[in-house]
Structures are given as structure tokens and as C-alpha cells.
């Protein structure tokens, strides 16, 4: 539950599983959420405790039965820039270390080089990340340390 200036809301994380016979729910964030639904109350008179209890009990039953909406992420394909691909092809140790990183870190390295417009900048960036890759350090790891 959350309170805002004009309304308070009750969120159901797996709300799409509920029957919603009374048509109380709206999508929490249209176009972003697939399962989460929200019930908004604009005045205290709109709060119907027996109906809320009915919805909550139905939601609890779904949880107990293991019903849930599974999510699939739309992951962008990893596109390795030509400069990096060529370097990985000639340096097998670099390739081995590069492939040890998580997909998100591989994307960071690839985008770091691909974002450069000039060939010279791409080459400088490649030379900068090679020692990082060989030492197992991600592009932004030093900034994440506390």
C-alpha cells in the first residue's frame, strides 16, 4: 500500500491472476509492468474492506498454489565491435578472460568501444580495457566499490 497526494493505492504484484469481477484494477505502469495491478482509492468512502479482503485472500491462494506470471527479459544481443573482435581473435588469453564476465559486463565493454566515433578513440579505449579484462575488473567496478 502507498499514499500519494490525490489517492492511496493497493498493489498486487501478481494481480493479473486475480479475477477482478468488480473491475477495480488498473495497470501499475502501462507498457512496463505485465503482472502488477493497482487499485486506487481517491476517498475514504471508496475503501470496501470486505472486497479488499476477498482480493487479498484470492492473491494469497495464488501464492500458496505457486501460481505466478513468469517474466522473460528482452535482452539485447551482444554485438562486439570489430576492433575488439579482432583483438580477441589474436589474443586467446584475452578471449578466455573476456568470456568469464557476466553478460552485462560484456555489454559494457562492447558499448564502451562502439560508442566512440573516431577510430583513434576506439583504439585508445580498447587499449584501456585490455588490462582491466586480463585482471578480471569490469569497466565500472572501481566506481561501485564503497
N, C-alpha and C. Protein backbone atom coordinates (compact mmCIF):
# COMPACT_ATOMS: atom_id res chain seq x y z
N UNK A 1 0.83 -1.17 0.00
CA UNK A 1 0.00 0.00 0.00
C UNK A 1 0.88 1.24 0.00
N UNK A 2 0.42 2.27 -0.68
CA UNK A 2 1.18 3.52 -0.73
C UNK A 2 0.22 4.70 -0.80
N UNK A 3 0.63 5.81 -0.22
CA UNK A 3 -0.21 7.01 -0.22
C UNK A 3 0.44 8.08 -1.09
N UNK A 4 -0.39 8.76 -1.86
CA UNK A 4 0.05 9.85 -2.72
C UNK A 4 -0.82 11.07 -2.43
N UNK A 5 -0.56 12.17 -3.09
CA UNK A 5 -1.33 13.39 -2.83
C UNK A 5 -2.82 13.22 -3.10
N UNK A 6 -3.16 12.57 -4.22
CA UNK A 6 -4.56 12.51 -4.63
C UNK A 6 -5.23 11.16 -4.37
N UNK A 7 -4.45 10.16 -4.04
CA UNK A 7 -5.05 8.84 -3.82
C UNK A 7 -4.10 7.97 -3.01
N UNK A 8 -4.62 6.87 -2.51
CA UNK A 8 -3.76 5.84 -1.95
C UNK A 8 -3.99 4.59 -2.81
N UNK A 9 -2.99 3.76 -2.89
CA UNK A 9 -3.08 2.61 -3.78
C UNK A 9 -2.71 1.32 -3.10
N UNK A 10 -3.33 0.28 -3.57
CA UNK A 10 -3.04 -1.07 -3.10
C UNK A 10 -2.53 -1.84 -4.31
N UNK A 11 -1.30 -2.35 -4.22
CA UNK A 11 -0.68 -3.05 -5.34
C UNK A 11 -0.75 -4.56 -5.14
N UNK A 12 -0.99 -5.24 -6.22
CA UNK A 12 -0.94 -6.70 -6.24
C UNK A 12 0.11 -7.09 -7.27
N UNK A 13 1.23 -7.66 -6.79
CA UNK A 13 2.36 -7.96 -7.68
C UNK A 13 2.00 -8.98 -8.76
N UNK A 14 1.11 -9.91 -8.45
CA UNK A 14 0.65 -10.89 -9.43
C UNK A 14 -0.84 -10.67 -9.70
N UNK A 15 -1.21 -9.40 -9.80
CA UNK A 15 -2.61 -9.02 -9.93
C UNK A 15 -3.32 -9.56 -11.16
N UNK A 16 -2.59 -9.81 -12.24
CA UNK A 16 -3.25 -10.33 -13.45
C UNK A 16 -3.85 -11.71 -13.24
N UNK A 17 -3.46 -12.38 -12.18
CA UNK A 17 -4.02 -13.70 -11.87
C UNK A 17 -5.38 -13.59 -11.18
N UNK A 18 -5.69 -12.42 -10.66
CA UNK A 18 -6.95 -12.23 -9.94
C UNK A 18 -8.12 -12.05 -10.91
N UNK A 19 -9.30 -12.47 -10.49
CA UNK A 19 -10.47 -12.41 -11.36
C UNK A 19 -10.96 -10.98 -11.59
N UNK A 20 -10.87 -10.11 -10.60
CA UNK A 20 -11.28 -8.71 -10.68
C UNK A 20 -12.68 -8.53 -11.26
N UNK A 21 -13.64 -9.23 -10.66
CA UNK A 21 -15.03 -9.16 -11.11
C UNK A 21 -15.60 -7.74 -11.00
N UNK A 22 -15.12 -6.99 -10.02
CA UNK A 22 -15.62 -5.63 -9.79
C UNK A 22 -14.89 -4.57 -10.63
N UNK A 23 -13.90 -4.99 -11.41
CA UNK A 23 -13.14 -4.08 -12.30
C UNK A 23 -12.52 -2.91 -11.52
N UNK A 24 -11.78 -3.25 -10.48
CA UNK A 24 -11.16 -2.24 -9.62
C UNK A 24 -9.72 -1.92 -10.02
N UNK A 25 -9.08 -2.80 -10.78
CA UNK A 25 -7.65 -2.67 -11.03
C UNK A 25 -7.31 -1.88 -12.28
N UNK A 26 -6.17 -1.22 -12.21
CA UNK A 26 -5.55 -0.60 -13.39
C UNK A 26 -4.12 -1.13 -13.46
N UNK A 27 -3.52 -1.04 -14.62
CA UNK A 27 -2.12 -1.46 -14.75
C UNK A 27 -1.26 -0.47 -13.98
N UNK A 28 -0.31 -1.00 -13.21
CA UNK A 28 0.52 -0.14 -12.37
C UNK A 28 1.35 0.84 -13.20
N UNK A 29 1.92 0.38 -14.31
CA UNK A 29 2.68 1.24 -15.21
C UNK A 29 2.46 0.72 -16.61
N UNK A 30 1.55 1.31 -17.31
CA UNK A 30 1.18 0.85 -18.65
C UNK A 30 2.41 0.73 -19.53
N UNK A 31 2.54 -0.41 -20.16
CA UNK A 31 3.66 -0.66 -21.06
C UNK A 31 4.92 -1.16 -20.38
N UNK A 32 4.97 -1.11 -19.04
CA UNK A 32 6.16 -1.56 -18.33
C UNK A 32 5.88 -2.81 -17.50
N UNK A 33 4.79 -2.81 -16.76
CA UNK A 33 4.50 -3.96 -15.91
C UNK A 33 3.55 -4.91 -16.61
N UNK A 34 3.78 -6.19 -16.40
CA UNK A 34 2.94 -7.20 -17.03
C UNK A 34 1.99 -7.87 -16.03
N UNK A 35 2.41 -8.01 -14.81
CA UNK A 35 1.62 -8.74 -13.83
C UNK A 35 1.07 -7.85 -12.72
N UNK A 36 1.75 -6.76 -12.42
CA UNK A 36 1.35 -5.93 -11.29
C UNK A 36 0.14 -5.06 -11.64
N UNK A 37 -0.85 -5.12 -10.76
CA UNK A 37 -2.02 -4.27 -10.92
C UNK A 37 -2.21 -3.43 -9.66
N UNK A 38 -2.92 -2.33 -9.80
CA UNK A 38 -3.08 -1.36 -8.73
C UNK A 38 -4.57 -1.04 -8.56
N UNK A 39 -4.95 -0.87 -7.34
CA UNK A 39 -6.31 -0.46 -7.00
C UNK A 39 -6.18 0.88 -6.31
N UNK A 40 -6.77 1.91 -6.86
CA UNK A 40 -6.64 3.26 -6.30
C UNK A 40 -7.91 3.66 -5.55
N UNK A 41 -7.68 4.36 -4.45
CA UNK A 41 -8.78 4.89 -3.63
C UNK A 41 -8.60 6.40 -3.55
N UNK A 42 -9.57 7.13 -4.07
CA UNK A 42 -9.49 8.59 -4.09
C UNK A 42 -10.19 9.23 -2.88
N UNK A 43 -11.00 8.46 -2.17
CA UNK A 43 -11.62 8.95 -0.94
C UNK A 43 -11.81 7.77 0.00
N UNK A 44 -11.99 8.07 1.26
CA UNK A 44 -12.16 7.01 2.25
C UNK A 44 -13.43 6.21 2.01
N UNK A 45 -14.40 6.83 1.35
CA UNK A 45 -15.67 6.15 1.06
C UNK A 45 -15.50 5.01 0.05
N UNK A 46 -14.44 5.07 -0.74
CA UNK A 46 -14.20 4.04 -1.76
C UNK A 46 -13.60 2.76 -1.18
N UNK A 47 -13.15 2.82 0.06
CA UNK A 47 -12.49 1.65 0.67
C UNK A 47 -13.56 0.66 1.11
N UNK A 48 -13.57 -0.47 0.44
CA UNK A 48 -14.55 -1.54 0.69
C UNK A 48 -13.80 -2.71 1.32
N UNK A 49 -13.75 -2.75 2.66
CA UNK A 49 -12.96 -3.75 3.37
C UNK A 49 -13.32 -5.19 3.01
N UNK A 50 -14.58 -5.58 2.93
CA UNK A 50 -14.88 -6.96 2.55
C UNK A 50 -14.35 -7.32 1.15
N UNK A 51 -14.44 -6.38 0.21
CA UNK A 51 -13.95 -6.64 -1.14
C UNK A 51 -12.42 -6.71 -1.16
N UNK A 52 -11.78 -5.82 -0.41
CA UNK A 52 -10.32 -5.87 -0.30
C UNK A 52 -9.88 -7.22 0.25
N UNK A 53 -10.56 -7.66 1.31
CA UNK A 53 -10.23 -8.95 1.92
C UNK A 53 -10.40 -10.09 0.90
N UNK A 54 -11.46 -10.03 0.10
CA UNK A 54 -11.70 -11.05 -0.92
C UNK A 54 -10.54 -11.11 -1.92
N UNK A 55 -10.10 -9.95 -2.38
CA UNK A 55 -9.00 -9.88 -3.33
C UNK A 55 -7.69 -10.36 -2.69
N UNK A 56 -7.45 -9.95 -1.45
CA UNK A 56 -6.21 -10.36 -0.76
C UNK A 56 -6.20 -11.87 -0.54
N UNK A 57 -7.32 -12.44 -0.14
CA UNK A 57 -7.38 -13.90 0.05
C UNK A 57 -7.17 -14.65 -1.26
N UNK A 58 -7.72 -14.12 -2.34
CA UNK A 58 -7.50 -14.75 -3.65
C UNK A 58 -6.02 -14.67 -4.04
N UNK A 59 -5.41 -13.53 -3.78
CA UNK A 59 -3.97 -13.36 -4.09
C UNK A 59 -3.14 -14.33 -3.25
N UNK A 60 -3.49 -14.48 -1.97
CA UNK A 60 -2.77 -15.41 -1.08
C UNK A 60 -2.91 -16.85 -1.58
N UNK A 61 -4.09 -17.20 -2.07
CA UNK A 61 -4.31 -18.55 -2.59
C UNK A 61 -3.42 -18.82 -3.80
N UNK A 62 -3.26 -17.82 -4.64
CA UNK A 62 -2.37 -17.98 -5.80
C UNK A 62 -0.93 -18.21 -5.36
N UNK A 63 -0.50 -17.48 -4.35
CA UNK A 63 0.86 -17.65 -3.83
C UNK A 63 1.03 -19.05 -3.26
N UNK A 64 0.08 -19.46 -2.45
CA UNK A 64 0.14 -20.79 -1.82
C UNK A 64 0.16 -21.91 -2.86
N UNK A 65 -0.55 -21.71 -3.98
CA UNK A 65 -0.60 -22.73 -5.03
C UNK A 65 0.57 -22.63 -6.00
N UNK A 66 1.44 -21.64 -5.79
CA UNK A 66 2.61 -21.49 -6.64
C UNK A 66 2.31 -20.86 -8.00
N UNK A 67 1.16 -20.25 -8.12
CA UNK A 67 0.80 -19.59 -9.39
C UNK A 67 1.53 -18.26 -9.49
N UNK A 68 2.16 -18.03 -10.61
CA UNK A 68 2.82 -16.75 -10.83
C UNK A 68 3.06 -16.54 -12.32
N UNK A 69 3.16 -15.29 -12.69
CA UNK A 69 3.48 -14.94 -14.06
C UNK A 69 5.00 -14.94 -14.18
N UNK A 70 5.52 -15.72 -15.10
CA UNK A 70 6.98 -15.77 -15.32
C UNK A 70 7.35 -14.67 -16.31
N UNK A 71 8.47 -14.07 -16.06
CA UNK A 71 8.92 -12.98 -16.90
C UNK A 71 10.08 -13.41 -17.78
N UNK A 72 10.08 -12.89 -18.98
CA UNK A 72 11.22 -13.09 -19.87
C UNK A 72 11.77 -11.71 -20.18
N UNK A 73 13.04 -11.58 -20.06
CA UNK A 73 13.67 -10.30 -20.34
C UNK A 73 13.96 -10.18 -21.83
N UNK A 74 13.75 -9.01 -22.33
CA UNK A 74 14.12 -8.73 -23.71
C UNK A 74 15.56 -8.24 -23.69
N UNK A 75 16.49 -9.18 -23.77
CA UNK A 75 17.89 -8.79 -23.72
C UNK A 75 18.38 -8.48 -25.13
N UNK A 76 19.14 -7.44 -25.20
CA UNK A 76 19.71 -7.06 -26.47
C UNK A 76 20.84 -8.01 -26.80
N UNK A 77 20.98 -8.37 -28.06
CA UNK A 77 22.08 -9.26 -28.42
C UNK A 77 23.42 -8.55 -28.22
N UNK A 78 24.41 -9.31 -27.85
CA UNK A 78 25.74 -8.76 -27.65
C UNK A 78 26.39 -8.57 -29.01
N UNK A 79 26.69 -7.33 -29.35
CA UNK A 79 27.36 -7.01 -30.61
C UNK A 79 28.76 -6.51 -30.26
N UNK A 80 29.73 -7.35 -30.53
CA UNK A 80 31.11 -7.00 -30.21
C UNK A 80 31.68 -6.19 -31.37
N UNK A 81 32.22 -5.00 -31.08
CA UNK A 81 32.81 -4.18 -32.14
C UNK A 81 33.96 -4.91 -32.84
N UNK A 82 34.14 -4.61 -34.09
CA UNK A 82 35.16 -5.26 -34.91
C UNK A 82 36.55 -5.18 -34.27
N UNK A 83 36.89 -4.01 -33.73
CA UNK A 83 38.21 -3.81 -33.12
C UNK A 83 38.45 -4.80 -31.98
N UNK A 84 37.45 -4.97 -31.14
CA UNK A 84 37.56 -5.89 -30.01
C UNK A 84 37.55 -7.34 -30.50
N UNK A 85 36.72 -7.63 -31.48
CA UNK A 85 36.66 -8.98 -32.02
C UNK A 85 38.01 -9.40 -32.63
N UNK A 86 38.63 -8.51 -33.35
CA UNK A 86 39.93 -8.80 -33.95
C UNK A 86 40.99 -9.06 -32.87
N UNK A 87 40.95 -8.26 -31.82
CA UNK A 87 41.94 -8.42 -30.74
C UNK A 87 41.73 -9.73 -30.00
N UNK A 88 40.47 -10.09 -29.77
CA UNK A 88 40.16 -11.36 -29.10
C UNK A 88 40.61 -12.55 -29.95
N UNK A 89 40.53 -12.41 -31.27
CA UNK A 89 40.93 -13.50 -32.17
C UNK A 89 42.43 -13.77 -32.14
N UNK A 90 43.21 -12.73 -31.90
CA UNK A 90 44.67 -12.95 -31.89
C UNK A 90 45.23 -13.18 -30.49
N UNK A 91 44.48 -12.82 -29.45
CA UNK A 91 44.95 -12.98 -28.07
C UNK A 91 44.00 -13.93 -27.34
N UNK A 92 44.36 -15.21 -27.31
CA UNK A 92 43.48 -16.23 -26.73
C UNK A 92 43.29 -16.05 -25.23
N UNK A 93 44.34 -15.60 -24.52
CA UNK A 93 44.20 -15.36 -23.08
C UNK A 93 43.19 -14.26 -22.82
N UNK A 94 43.23 -13.22 -23.64
CA UNK A 94 42.28 -12.13 -23.52
C UNK A 94 40.86 -12.64 -23.79
N UNK A 95 40.72 -13.50 -24.78
CA UNK A 95 39.41 -14.07 -25.10
C UNK A 95 38.86 -14.90 -23.94
N UNK A 96 39.72 -15.71 -23.34
CA UNK A 96 39.29 -16.54 -22.20
C UNK A 96 38.82 -15.65 -21.05
N UNK A 97 39.61 -14.64 -20.72
CA UNK A 97 39.26 -13.74 -19.61
C UNK A 97 38.00 -12.93 -19.94
N UNK A 98 37.88 -12.49 -21.17
CA UNK A 98 36.71 -11.73 -21.60
C UNK A 98 35.44 -12.55 -21.42
N UNK A 99 35.48 -13.80 -21.80
CA UNK A 99 34.30 -14.67 -21.73
C UNK A 99 33.93 -15.10 -20.31
N UNK A 100 34.76 -14.77 -19.34
CA UNK A 100 34.43 -15.06 -17.93
C UNK A 100 33.47 -14.04 -17.33
N UNK A 101 33.34 -12.90 -17.97
CA UNK A 101 32.49 -11.84 -17.45
C UNK A 101 31.01 -12.16 -17.66
N UNK A 102 30.18 -11.54 -16.84
CA UNK A 102 28.73 -11.67 -17.00
C UNK A 102 28.31 -10.97 -18.29
N UNK A 103 27.12 -11.30 -18.76
CA UNK A 103 26.62 -10.70 -19.99
C UNK A 103 26.55 -9.18 -19.90
N UNK A 104 26.14 -8.68 -18.74
CA UNK A 104 26.02 -7.23 -18.60
C UNK A 104 27.39 -6.55 -18.70
N UNK A 105 28.42 -7.17 -18.16
CA UNK A 105 29.76 -6.57 -18.24
C UNK A 105 30.32 -6.67 -19.65
N UNK A 106 29.99 -7.75 -20.36
CA UNK A 106 30.41 -7.87 -21.76
C UNK A 106 29.77 -6.74 -22.57
N UNK A 107 28.50 -6.46 -22.29
CA UNK A 107 27.82 -5.36 -22.97
C UNK A 107 28.49 -4.03 -22.65
N UNK A 108 28.91 -3.82 -21.40
CA UNK A 108 29.57 -2.57 -21.03
C UNK A 108 30.84 -2.37 -21.85
N UNK A 109 31.66 -3.42 -21.94
CA UNK A 109 32.90 -3.31 -22.72
C UNK A 109 32.60 -3.03 -24.19
N UNK A 110 31.66 -3.78 -24.75
CA UNK A 110 31.34 -3.63 -26.17
C UNK A 110 30.79 -2.22 -26.46
N UNK A 111 29.89 -1.75 -25.62
CA UNK A 111 29.31 -0.42 -25.84
C UNK A 111 30.32 0.70 -25.64
N UNK A 112 31.26 0.48 -24.73
CA UNK A 112 32.30 1.48 -24.47
C UNK A 112 33.11 1.75 -25.73
N UNK A 113 33.44 0.69 -26.44
CA UNK A 113 34.21 0.84 -27.67
C UNK A 113 33.31 1.32 -28.81
N UNK A 114 32.15 0.72 -28.94
CA UNK A 114 31.25 1.05 -30.04
C UNK A 114 30.77 2.50 -29.99
N UNK A 115 30.69 3.09 -28.81
CA UNK A 115 30.19 4.46 -28.67
C UNK A 115 31.17 5.50 -29.21
N UNK A 116 32.42 5.13 -29.34
CA UNK A 116 33.41 6.07 -29.87
C UNK A 116 33.19 6.25 -31.37
N UNK A 117 33.34 7.47 -31.84
CA UNK A 117 33.10 7.75 -33.26
C UNK A 117 34.39 7.63 -34.07
N UNK A 118 35.47 8.10 -33.51
CA UNK A 118 36.74 8.10 -34.24
C UNK A 118 37.49 6.78 -34.03
N UNK A 119 38.19 6.36 -35.06
CA UNK A 119 38.98 5.13 -34.99
C UNK A 119 40.04 5.23 -33.90
N UNK A 120 40.65 6.41 -33.78
CA UNK A 120 41.70 6.60 -32.77
C UNK A 120 41.13 6.44 -31.36
N UNK A 121 39.93 6.95 -31.15
CA UNK A 121 39.30 6.83 -29.83
C UNK A 121 38.97 5.38 -29.52
N UNK A 122 38.48 4.67 -30.52
CA UNK A 122 38.19 3.24 -30.33
C UNK A 122 39.45 2.49 -29.94
N UNK A 123 40.56 2.80 -30.60
CA UNK A 123 41.83 2.13 -30.32
C UNK A 123 42.30 2.46 -28.89
N UNK A 124 42.16 3.72 -28.48
CA UNK A 124 42.56 4.11 -27.12
C UNK A 124 41.71 3.39 -26.07
N UNK A 125 40.42 3.32 -26.34
CA UNK A 125 39.52 2.65 -25.40
C UNK A 125 39.83 1.16 -25.31
N UNK A 126 40.14 0.57 -26.45
CA UNK A 126 40.50 -0.86 -26.46
C UNK A 126 41.74 -1.09 -25.61
N UNK A 127 42.75 -0.24 -25.79
CA UNK A 127 43.99 -0.39 -25.01
C UNK A 127 43.73 -0.17 -23.52
N UNK A 128 42.78 0.68 -23.18
CA UNK A 128 42.45 0.94 -21.78
C UNK A 128 41.80 -0.28 -21.13
N UNK A 129 40.92 -0.97 -21.86
CA UNK A 129 40.16 -2.06 -21.24
C UNK A 129 40.90 -3.39 -21.23
N UNK A 130 41.91 -3.55 -22.06
CA UNK A 130 42.63 -4.84 -22.10
C UNK A 130 43.20 -5.22 -20.74
N UNK A 131 43.93 -4.32 -20.04
CA UNK A 131 44.43 -4.70 -18.70
C UNK A 131 43.29 -4.99 -17.71
N UNK A 132 42.19 -4.28 -17.86
CA UNK A 132 41.04 -4.50 -16.98
C UNK A 132 40.48 -5.90 -17.20
N UNK A 133 40.32 -6.27 -18.45
CA UNK A 133 39.80 -7.61 -18.78
C UNK A 133 40.73 -8.68 -18.24
N UNK A 134 42.03 -8.51 -18.47
CA UNK A 134 43.00 -9.53 -18.03
C UNK A 134 43.05 -9.66 -16.51
N UNK A 135 42.74 -8.58 -15.79
CA UNK A 135 42.74 -8.65 -14.33
C UNK A 135 41.37 -8.99 -13.76
N UNK A 136 40.38 -9.19 -14.63
CA UNK A 136 39.05 -9.56 -14.16
C UNK A 136 38.23 -8.41 -13.63
N UNK A 137 38.63 -7.19 -13.98
CA UNK A 137 37.94 -6.00 -13.50
C UNK A 137 36.98 -5.49 -14.56
N UNK A 138 35.73 -5.29 -14.18
CA UNK A 138 34.74 -4.74 -15.09
C UNK A 138 34.98 -3.27 -15.34
N UNK A 139 34.42 -2.76 -16.39
CA UNK A 139 34.63 -1.37 -16.79
C UNK A 139 34.25 -0.38 -15.69
N UNK A 140 33.18 -0.65 -14.96
CA UNK A 140 32.71 0.28 -13.93
C UNK A 140 32.88 -0.24 -12.51
N UNK A 141 33.67 -1.29 -12.33
CA UNK A 141 33.83 -1.89 -11.00
C UNK A 141 34.43 -0.93 -9.99
N UNK A 142 35.40 -0.14 -10.38
CA UNK A 142 36.07 0.73 -9.40
C UNK A 142 35.12 1.79 -8.85
N UNK A 143 34.07 2.12 -9.60
CA UNK A 143 33.11 3.12 -9.14
C UNK A 143 32.07 2.51 -8.22
N UNK A 144 31.93 1.21 -8.26
CA UNK A 144 30.92 0.52 -7.45
C UNK A 144 31.44 0.16 -6.07
N UNK A 145 32.74 0.23 -5.87
CA UNK A 145 33.33 -0.12 -4.57
C UNK A 145 33.02 0.97 -3.55
N UNK A 146 32.79 0.57 -2.33
CA UNK A 146 32.49 1.54 -1.27
C UNK A 146 33.73 1.90 -0.52
